[in-house]
Amino acid sequence: MSKNALSLANRAGHILLENGAEISRVESTMQRIADHYGEDDGNFFVLSNGIIATGDDYAKAEFIPLKGARLDKVAAVNQASRDVAQLNLSLEQLEGRLDDISRMPPKPAWEQILGSAVGAGFFAMIFGGSLADSAVAFIAGLVLHFFVYFVSGPYLSRLLGNISGGLIAASVCIAAYHLGFGDHLGNMIIGAIIPLVPGVPFTNGIRDIAGEDYLAGTTRLLDAFMMFLGIAAGVALAFVLDGAIFGGLIQLQAMKTDPVTAHPLWQLAAAFFGTAAFAILFGVPRKHYLDCGFAGAAGWMTYIVLTRAAGFTPVEATFFGSMAVLLCSRFLAIWRRCPVTVFLVCGIFPLVPGGGLFWTSYYLIAGQTNAALSSGFLAVKICVAIALGIIVVEEAAKFFPSHHK
């Protein structure tokens, strides 16, 4: 039985790792399965893209390429591993469950494309856009994910896909701007490129570091950084091509905030529905879409209240906002009996410095080096604030263990 039990533990870990689970979850799930079937000598070493498993008569090392997130599979494997103990599943039953999980179909194309469009539209509002800006971002998000689903995903590397996606999203917005649609080009593009942001490696990299898995955490954060760089390069290329066609770079002022959509109720709705829409892109089970929206709204409204009513800086408010997202995610994880990752990856999106990503790219192309450095440094500080907020809550949570962390 040893070989079969460890093989199934390894298979469960494989599904988790390739679909967006954090390292600690992969290791704990594999160990839970092995221990239940009496394989106390099973040892598992998990990297960001590989698993090494050993036992008395079993040894396997495999490379697991990074793929897009399917958090529905993560939730399903997590539940199966707990049912092993609670329902005393046999090895054959567990194997059947894992077979079913492996065959779970992705969300249909129309749902993913619509999720990208709706998310882009609402996130344009979050970053200061008007209703007209949001409409343009909606169209850009629609075109972007059509490209991602049918071209980038199947045929391009992730880096080239992000460069191409950034180029396409920005080009749609620039074209709309030339035709007189929308109010603020910067806000349109910021909303349009948010569906490309690598939420899974960014969030899990932070959580891995919080769990003292520095190698995996650093690898995942580097992966996220390369994706951010690809998006920025694509946006910059769109401006360069537009300047070559029309004889000069579009001149933009600093980020503007529309007075209508800046109202707290608009911001609450934008954070809630925008985050819920992005839950589709990460393969979150449909029953948890609104839960993800709640987590995103909790973090963003914390940010809004602290910056507008308490005078906090964006960095300080982001720190507390990220804490609110994780606290909310942990509550939902216990209530819904689902991994924290399902809610956290989506809920953190309103706080991600998409504006900093865009403005740093634009200022570099415009030759405004000081402005680019200032914008880029602020984006880095916001990312650090997100990381620290998550780490603080993760450390505090060790004193209150949860079976669904």
Protein backbone atom coordinates (compact mmCIF):
# COMPACT_ATOMS: atom_id res chain seq x y z
CA MET A 1 0.00 0.00 0.00
CA SER A 2 2.93 2.34 0.64
CA LYS A 3 3.66 3.04 -2.98
CA ASN A 4 0.02 3.66 -3.91
CA ALA A 5 -0.69 5.93 -0.93
CA LEU A 6 2.39 8.06 -1.53
CA SER A 7 1.63 8.15 -5.24
CA LEU A 8 -1.84 9.55 -4.54
CA ALA A 9 -0.42 12.04 -2.05
CA ASN A 10 2.02 13.16 -4.74
CA ARG A 11 -0.76 13.45 -7.29
CA ALA A 12 -2.82 15.60 -4.96
CA GLY A 13 0.18 17.85 -4.43
CA HIS A 14 0.74 18.06 -8.19
CA ILE A 15 -2.83 19.27 -8.78
CA LEU A 16 -2.56 21.84 -6.00
CA LEU A 17 0.79 23.25 -7.06
CA GLU A 18 -0.01 23.63 -10.76
CA ASN A 19 -3.32 25.35 -10.00
CA GLY A 20 -2.22 28.09 -7.63
CA ALA A 21 -1.92 26.68 -4.09
CA GLU A 22 0.73 28.02 -1.75
CA ILE A 23 3.66 25.76 -0.80
CA SER A 24 2.55 25.19 2.80
CA ARG A 25 -0.85 23.94 1.64
CA VAL A 26 0.71 21.53 -0.85
CA GLU A 27 3.03 20.05 1.78
CA SER A 28 0.39 19.82 4.52
CA THR A 29 -2.14 18.18 2.17
CA MET A 30 0.36 15.58 0.98
CA GLN A 31 1.42 14.84 4.54
CA ARG A 32 -2.19 14.55 5.72
CA ILE A 33 -2.97 11.96 3.05
CA ALA A 34 0.19 9.96 3.73
CA ASP A 35 -0.33 9.97 7.50
CA HIS A 36 -3.93 8.80 7.21
CA TYR A 37 -2.88 5.70 5.29
CA GLY A 38 -0.12 4.93 7.78
CA GLU A 39 2.80 6.20 5.72
CA ASP A 40 4.51 8.13 8.50
CA ASP A 41 7.86 7.75 6.75
CA GLY A 42 6.68 9.79 3.76
CA ASN A 43 8.77 12.90 3.12
CA PHE A 44 7.79 15.72 0.79
CA PHE A 45 9.84 18.63 -0.45
CA VAL A 46 7.90 21.17 -2.51
CA LEU A 47 9.41 23.92 -4.64
CA SER A 48 7.60 26.59 -6.61
CA ASN A 49 7.58 24.34 -9.69
CA GLY A 50 8.47 20.86 -8.48
CA ILE A 51 7.83 18.12 -5.92
CA ILE A 52 10.20 15.54 -4.44
CA ALA A 53 8.47 12.72 -2.57
CA THR A 54 10.13 9.75 -0.85
CA GLY A 55 9.12 6.78 1.30
CA ASP A 56 10.27 3.25 2.17
CA ASP A 57 9.74 1.90 -1.34
CA TYR A 58 8.79 5.08 -3.18
CA ALA A 59 10.74 7.98 -4.64
CA LYS A 60 9.66 10.50 -7.22
CA ALA A 61 10.84 13.91 -8.37
CA GLU A 62 8.85 15.81 -10.94
CA PHE A 63 8.89 19.20 -12.59
CA ILE A 64 5.55 20.99 -12.52
CA PRO A 65 5.33 23.93 -14.94
CA LEU A 66 3.55 27.06 -13.76
CA LYS A 67 0.04 27.38 -15.18
CA GLY A 68 -2.90 29.68 -14.78
CA ALA A 69 -4.82 29.49 -11.52
CA ARG A 70 -7.72 27.09 -11.10
CA LEU A 71 -8.75 27.76 -7.53
CA ASP A 72 -11.78 25.49 -7.92
CA LYS A 73 -9.35 22.56 -8.18
CA VAL A 74 -7.43 23.80 -5.15
CA ALA A 75 -10.65 23.92 -3.14
CA ALA A 76 -11.69 20.47 -4.39
CA VAL A 77 -8.37 18.79 -3.50
CA ASN A 78 -8.39 20.53 -0.12
CA GLN A 79 -11.85 19.11 0.60
CA ALA A 80 -10.89 15.66 -0.66
CA SER A 81 -7.86 15.54 1.64
CA ARG A 82 -10.05 16.35 4.62
CA ASP A 83 -12.67 13.81 3.59
CA VAL A 84 -9.91 11.20 3.63
CA ALA A 85 -9.80 11.51 7.41
CA GLN A 86 -13.37 12.55 8.17
CA LEU A 87 -15.09 10.01 5.89
CA ASN A 88 -12.29 7.44 5.95
CA LEU A 89 -12.01 7.25 2.18
CA SER A 90 -10.32 4.21 0.72
CA LEU A 91 -7.38 4.59 -1.65
CA GLU A 92 -9.69 3.71 -4.55
CA GLN A 93 -12.20 6.38 -3.52
CA LEU A 94 -9.48 8.99 -3.19
CA GLU A 95 -8.09 8.05 -6.59
CA GLY A 96 -11.57 8.46 -8.07
CA ARG A 97 -11.93 11.89 -6.45
CA LEU A 98 -8.59 13.00 -7.86
CA ASP A 99 -9.56 11.67 -11.31
CA ASP A 100 -12.75 13.75 -11.15
CA ILE A 101 -10.84 16.86 -10.05
CA SER A 102 -8.30 16.46 -12.86
CA ARG A 103 -11.15 16.33 -15.37
CA MET A 104 -12.96 19.40 -14.03
CA PRO A 105 -13.63 21.63 -17.06
CA PRO A 106 -12.50 25.27 -17.05
CA LYS A 107 -15.02 28.09 -17.00
CA PRO A 108 -16.54 28.57 -20.48
CA ALA A 109 -14.91 31.15 -22.74
CA TRP A 110 -17.87 33.54 -22.62
CA GLU A 111 -17.80 33.60 -18.81
CA GLN A 112 -14.07 34.29 -18.62
CA ILE A 113 -14.22 36.99 -21.30
CA LEU A 114 -17.19 38.64 -19.60
CA GLY A 115 -15.40 38.47 -16.24
CA SER A 116 -12.38 40.26 -17.70
CA ALA A 117 -14.57 42.96 -19.25
CA VAL A 118 -16.69 43.57 -16.15
CA GLY A 119 -13.63 43.55 -13.89
CA ALA A 120 -11.75 46.00 -16.11
CA GLY A 121 -14.73 48.34 -16.22
CA PHE A 122 -15.23 48.45 -12.46
CA PHE A 123 -11.51 48.70 -11.73
CA ALA A 124 -11.30 51.75 -13.98
CA MET A 125 -13.70 53.35 -11.48
CA ILE A 126 -11.59 52.24 -8.52
CA PHE A 127 -8.57 54.01 -10.00
CA GLY A 128 -10.46 57.27 -10.60
CA GLY A 129 -12.16 56.70 -13.93
CA SER A 130 -15.51 58.13 -15.00
CA LEU A 131 -18.46 56.11 -16.26
CA ALA A 132 -17.26 56.79 -19.82
CA ASP A 133 -13.75 55.60 -18.91
CA SER A 134 -15.24 52.45 -17.43
CA ALA A 135 -17.18 51.76 -20.61
CA VAL A 136 -13.99 51.95 -22.68
CA ALA A 137 -12.13 49.77 -20.16
CA PHE A 138 -15.00 47.26 -20.41
CA ILE A 139 -14.50 46.99 -24.19
CA ALA A 140 -10.72 46.79 -23.79
CA GLY A 141 -11.08 44.04 -21.18
CA LEU A 142 -13.39 42.16 -23.54
CA VAL A 143 -10.91 42.34 -26.42
CA LEU A 144 -7.98 41.55 -24.12
CA HIS A 145 -9.36 38.33 -22.74
CA PHE A 146 -10.60 37.20 -26.13
CA PHE A 147 -6.94 37.41 -27.15
CA VAL A 148 -5.76 35.74 -23.93
CA TYR A 149 -8.21 32.86 -24.22
CA PHE A 150 -7.78 32.06 -27.91
CA VAL A 151 -4.21 33.17 -28.66
CA SER A 152 -1.99 34.02 -25.70
CA GLY A 153 -2.98 31.15 -23.41
CA PRO A 154 -2.60 28.32 -25.94
CA TYR A 155 0.33 29.59 -27.99
CA LEU A 156 2.47 32.19 -26.20
CA SER A 157 4.78 32.14 -23.18
CA ARG A 158 3.39 33.99 -20.18
CA LEU A 159 5.90 36.83 -20.53
CA LEU A 160 5.23 37.34 -24.23
CA GLY A 161 1.52 36.95 -23.55
CA ASN A 162 1.62 39.76 -20.97
CA ILE A 163 3.59 42.03 -23.29
CA SER A 164 1.09 41.38 -26.09
CA GLY A 165 -1.86 41.74 -23.72
CA GLY A 166 -0.59 45.06 -22.38
CA LEU A 167 -0.09 46.27 -25.96
CA ILE A 168 -3.61 45.23 -27.01
CA ALA A 169 -5.39 46.64 -23.94
CA ALA A 170 -3.58 49.97 -24.16
CA SER A 171 -4.06 50.19 -27.94
CA VAL A 172 -7.84 49.75 -27.63
CA CYS A 173 -7.97 52.55 -25.05
CA ILE A 174 -5.72 54.83 -27.13
CA ALA A 175 -7.88 54.22 -30.20
CA ALA A 176 -11.01 55.11 -28.20
CA TYR A 177 -9.27 58.24 -26.93
CA HIS A 178 -8.49 59.38 -30.49
CA LEU A 179 -12.13 58.79 -31.45
CA GLY A 180 -13.33 60.94 -28.58
CA PHE A 181 -14.60 58.22 -26.26
CA GLY A 182 -13.79 58.34 -22.55
CA ASP A 183 -12.53 61.20 -20.38
CA HIS A 184 -9.13 60.20 -19.00
CA LEU A 185 -6.89 57.90 -21.02
CA GLY A 186 -4.72 56.92 -18.07
CA ASN A 187 -7.70 55.67 -16.06
CA MET A 188 -9.00 53.68 -19.01
CA ILE A 189 -5.70 51.88 -19.51
CA ILE A 190 -5.21 51.19 -15.80
CA GLY A 191 -8.58 49.43 -15.64
CA ALA A 192 -7.96 47.57 -18.90
CA ILE A 193 -4.61 46.06 -17.87
CA ILE A 194 -5.66 44.91 -14.38
CA PRO A 195 -6.92 41.49 -15.64
CA LEU A 196 -3.29 40.72 -16.57
CA VAL A 197 -1.90 41.36 -13.07
CA PRO A 198 -0.32 38.13 -11.71
CA GLY A 199 -2.34 37.88 -8.53
CA VAL A 200 -1.53 34.24 -7.72
CA PRO A 201 2.30 34.36 -7.77
CA PHE A 202 2.28 37.77 -6.08
CA THR A 203 -0.03 36.73 -3.23
CA ASN A 204 1.36 33.22 -2.76
CA GLY A 205 4.93 34.51 -2.90
CA ILE A 206 4.15 36.75 0.07
CA ARG A 207 2.44 33.90 1.94
CA ASP A 208 5.35 31.54 1.26
CA ILE A 209 7.78 34.08 2.70
CA ALA A 210 5.48 34.52 5.69
CA GLY A 211 5.71 30.75 6.15
CA GLU A 212 9.54 31.00 6.07
CA ASP A 213 9.74 29.28 2.69
CA TYR A 214 12.04 31.95 1.31
CA LEU A 215 13.23 30.11 -1.80
CA ALA A 216 9.74 29.45 -3.14
CA GLY A 217 8.48 32.86 -2.05
CA THR A 218 11.32 34.70 -3.76
CA THR A 219 10.86 32.63 -6.93
CA ARG A 220 7.17 33.41 -7.10
CA LEU A 221 7.66 37.12 -6.42
CA LEU A 222 10.31 37.22 -9.15
CA ASP A 223 7.83 35.53 -11.48
CA ALA A 224 5.22 38.17 -10.58
CA PHE A 225 7.77 40.95 -11.14
CA MET A 226 8.53 39.63 -14.63
CA MET A 227 4.82 39.60 -15.42
CA PHE A 228 4.47 43.20 -14.16
CA LEU A 229 7.44 44.13 -16.33
CA GLY A 230 5.84 42.48 -19.35
CA ILE A 231 2.58 44.42 -18.88
CA ALA A 232 4.51 47.68 -18.53
CA ALA A 233 6.51 46.94 -21.68
CA GLY A 234 3.32 46.25 -23.63
CA VAL A 235 1.73 49.52 -22.51
CA ALA A 236 4.90 51.44 -23.33
CA LEU A 237 5.04 49.85 -26.78
CA ALA A 238 1.46 50.96 -27.48
CA PHE A 239 2.39 54.58 -26.76
CA VAL A 240 5.55 54.34 -28.87
CA LEU A 241 3.63 52.94 -31.86
CA ASP A 242 0.91 55.57 -31.48
CA GLY A 243 3.54 58.30 -31.35
CA ALA A 244 5.18 56.98 -34.50
CA ILE A 245 1.84 56.97 -36.34
CA PHE A 246 0.56 60.36 -35.18
CA GLY A 247 3.85 62.19 -34.90
CA GLY A 248 4.20 62.57 -31.17
CA LEU A 249 3.50 61.08 -27.76
CA ILE A 250 0.06 61.70 -26.26
CA GLN A 251 0.52 64.20 -23.45
CA LEU A 252 -1.14 63.13 -20.22
CA GLN A 253 -1.43 64.93 -16.94
CA ALA A 254 -1.25 63.25 -13.53
CA MET A 255 -3.95 60.79 -12.56
CA LYS A 256 -7.40 62.36 -12.35
CA THR A 257 -10.31 61.29 -10.17
CA ASP A 258 -13.87 61.59 -11.41
CA PRO A 259 -16.07 63.27 -8.77
CA VAL A 260 -19.08 61.06 -9.49
CA THR A 261 -17.47 57.62 -9.24
CA ALA A 262 -15.31 58.82 -6.32
CA HIS A 263 -18.38 58.67 -4.08
CA PRO A 264 -17.97 55.94 -1.43
CA LEU A 265 -21.03 54.04 -2.64
CA TRP A 266 -19.65 53.92 -6.20
CA GLN A 267 -16.30 52.80 -4.83
CA LEU A 268 -17.92 50.10 -2.70
CA ALA A 269 -19.88 48.78 -5.67
CA ALA A 270 -16.84 48.93 -7.96
CA ALA A 271 -14.63 47.01 -5.50
CA PHE A 272 -17.33 44.41 -4.82
CA PHE A 273 -18.38 43.67 -8.40
CA GLY A 274 -14.90 44.15 -9.87
CA THR A 275 -13.39 41.63 -7.47
CA ALA A 276 -16.28 39.20 -7.97
CA ALA A 277 -15.74 39.42 -11.74
CA PHE A 278 -12.02 38.65 -11.41
CA ALA A 279 -12.88 35.59 -9.33
CA ILE A 280 -14.01 34.08 -12.64
CA LEU A 281 -10.54 34.50 -14.12
CA PHE A 282 -8.95 32.57 -11.26
CA GLY A 283 -11.37 29.66 -11.55
CA VAL A 284 -13.03 30.31 -8.19
CA PRO A 285 -16.10 28.08 -7.63
CA ARG A 286 -19.21 30.03 -8.67
CA LYS A 287 -20.73 29.81 -5.20
CA HIS A 288 -17.83 31.93 -3.90
CA TYR A 289 -17.92 34.80 -6.42
CA LEU A 290 -19.80 37.10 -4.07
CA ASP A 291 -17.62 36.04 -1.14
CA CYS A 292 -14.57 37.22 -3.08
CA GLY A 293 -16.37 40.47 -3.83
CA PHE A 294 -16.98 40.94 -0.12
CA ALA A 295 -13.28 40.43 0.66
CA GLY A 296 -12.23 42.93 -2.01
CA ALA A 297 -14.76 45.50 -0.82
CA ALA A 298 -13.63 45.11 2.80
CA GLY A 299 -10.03 45.91 1.96
CA TRP A 300 -10.81 48.76 -0.41
CA MET A 301 -13.30 50.48 1.90
CA THR A 302 -10.73 50.24 4.69
CA TYR A 303 -8.33 52.05 2.35
CA ILE A 304 -10.94 54.69 1.40
CA VAL A 305 -11.90 55.44 5.00
CA LEU A 306 -8.30 55.69 6.19
CA THR A 307 -7.14 57.94 3.36
CA ARG A 308 -10.18 60.23 3.24
CA ALA A 309 -11.32 60.40 6.85
CA ALA A 310 -8.20 59.63 8.90
CA GLY A 311 -5.51 61.28 6.77
CA PHE A 312 -3.45 58.13 6.25
CA THR A 313 -0.98 58.01 3.37
CA PRO A 314 -1.69 55.52 0.54
CA VAL A 315 1.08 53.26 1.83
CA GLU A 316 -0.25 53.26 5.41
CA ALA A 317 -3.84 52.71 4.24
CA THR A 318 -2.73 49.86 1.97
CA PHE A 319 -1.05 48.14 4.92
CA PHE A 320 -4.26 48.14 6.95
CA GLY A 321 -6.38 47.40 3.88
CA SER A 322 -4.39 44.24 3.16
CA MET A 323 -4.83 43.19 6.78
CA ALA A 324 -8.59 43.67 6.39
CA VAL A 325 -8.61 41.53 3.22
CA LEU A 326 -6.77 38.67 4.91
CA LEU A 327 -8.88 38.82 8.07
CA CYS A 328 -12.01 38.76 5.95
CA SER A 329 -10.58 35.90 3.86
CA ARG A 330 -9.81 33.85 6.96
CA PHE A 331 -13.35 34.40 8.26
CA LEU A 332 -14.79 33.31 4.91
CA ALA A 333 -12.46 30.30 4.82
CA ILE A 334 -13.79 29.05 8.15
CA TRP A 335 -17.41 29.87 7.34
CA ARG A 336 -17.33 28.40 3.84
CA ARG A 337 -14.89 25.59 4.67
CA CYS A 338 -12.63 26.60 1.82
CA PRO A 339 -8.94 27.61 1.54
CA VAL A 340 -8.03 31.21 2.36
CA THR A 341 -6.25 31.45 -0.99
CA VAL A 342 -9.58 31.36 -2.84
CA PHE A 343 -10.66 34.66 -1.28
CA LEU A 344 -7.32 36.34 -0.69
CA VAL A 345 -5.96 36.18 -4.25
CA CYS A 346 -9.05 37.98 -5.59
CA GLY A 347 -9.68 40.25 -2.60
CA ILE A 348 -6.24 41.85 -2.71
CA PHE A 349 -6.70 43.15 -6.27
CA PRO A 350 -8.20 46.59 -5.46
CA LEU A 351 -5.05 47.38 -3.47
CA VAL A 352 -2.57 46.31 -6.17
CA PRO A 353 -0.80 49.43 -7.54
CA GLY A 354 -2.09 49.24 -11.09
CA GLY A 355 -1.89 53.03 -11.35
CA GLY A 356 1.76 52.99 -10.40
CA LEU A 357 2.45 50.36 -13.05
CA PHE A 358 0.86 52.49 -15.76
CA TRP A 359 2.31 55.84 -14.78
CA THR A 360 5.82 54.47 -14.38
CA SER A 361 5.61 53.10 -17.93
CA TYR A 362 4.21 56.33 -19.33
CA TYR A 363 6.73 58.61 -17.62
CA LEU A 364 9.62 56.47 -18.86
CA ILE A 365 8.38 56.77 -22.44
CA ALA A 366 7.78 60.49 -21.98
CA GLY A 367 11.35 60.96 -20.77
CA GLN A 368 10.22 62.15 -17.32
CA THR A 369 12.74 60.15 -15.38
CA ASN A 370 12.15 61.75 -11.98
CA ALA A 371 8.40 61.28 -12.23
CA ALA A 372 8.92 57.66 -13.32
CA LEU A 373 11.20 56.97 -10.37
CA SER A 374 8.77 58.60 -7.96
CA SER A 375 5.78 56.65 -9.33
CA GLY A 376 7.73 53.39 -9.43
CA PHE A 377 9.04 53.82 -5.90
CA LEU A 378 5.53 54.50 -4.61
CA ALA A 379 4.30 51.32 -6.35
CA VAL A 380 7.10 49.34 -4.70
CA LYS A 381 6.22 50.78 -1.28
CA ILE A 382 2.59 49.84 -1.79
CA CYS A 383 3.60 46.27 -2.71
CA VAL A 384 5.74 46.11 0.44
CA ALA A 385 2.79 47.42 2.48
CA ILE A 386 0.58 44.66 1.06
CA ALA A 387 3.25 42.10 1.92
CA LEU A 388 3.69 43.37 5.47
CA GLY A 389 -0.06 43.49 6.07
CA ILE A 390 -0.44 39.87 4.99
CA ILE A 391 2.61 38.75 6.98
CA VAL A 392 1.40 40.45 10.18
CA VAL A 393 -1.98 38.71 10.01
CA GLU A 394 -0.40 35.38 9.05
CA GLU A 395 1.92 35.57 12.06
CA ALA A 396 -0.89 36.54 14.42
CA ALA A 397 -3.06 33.72 13.04
CA LYS A 398 -0.52 31.14 14.22
CA PHE A 399 -1.87 31.69 17.71
CA PHE A 400 -5.39 30.90 16.45
CA PRO A 401 -4.95 27.92 14.10
CA SER A 402 -7.58 27.24 11.48
CA HIS A 403 -8.10 24.04 9.55
CA HIS A 404 -8.90 26.05 6.45
CA LYS A 405 -6.03 28.47 6.34
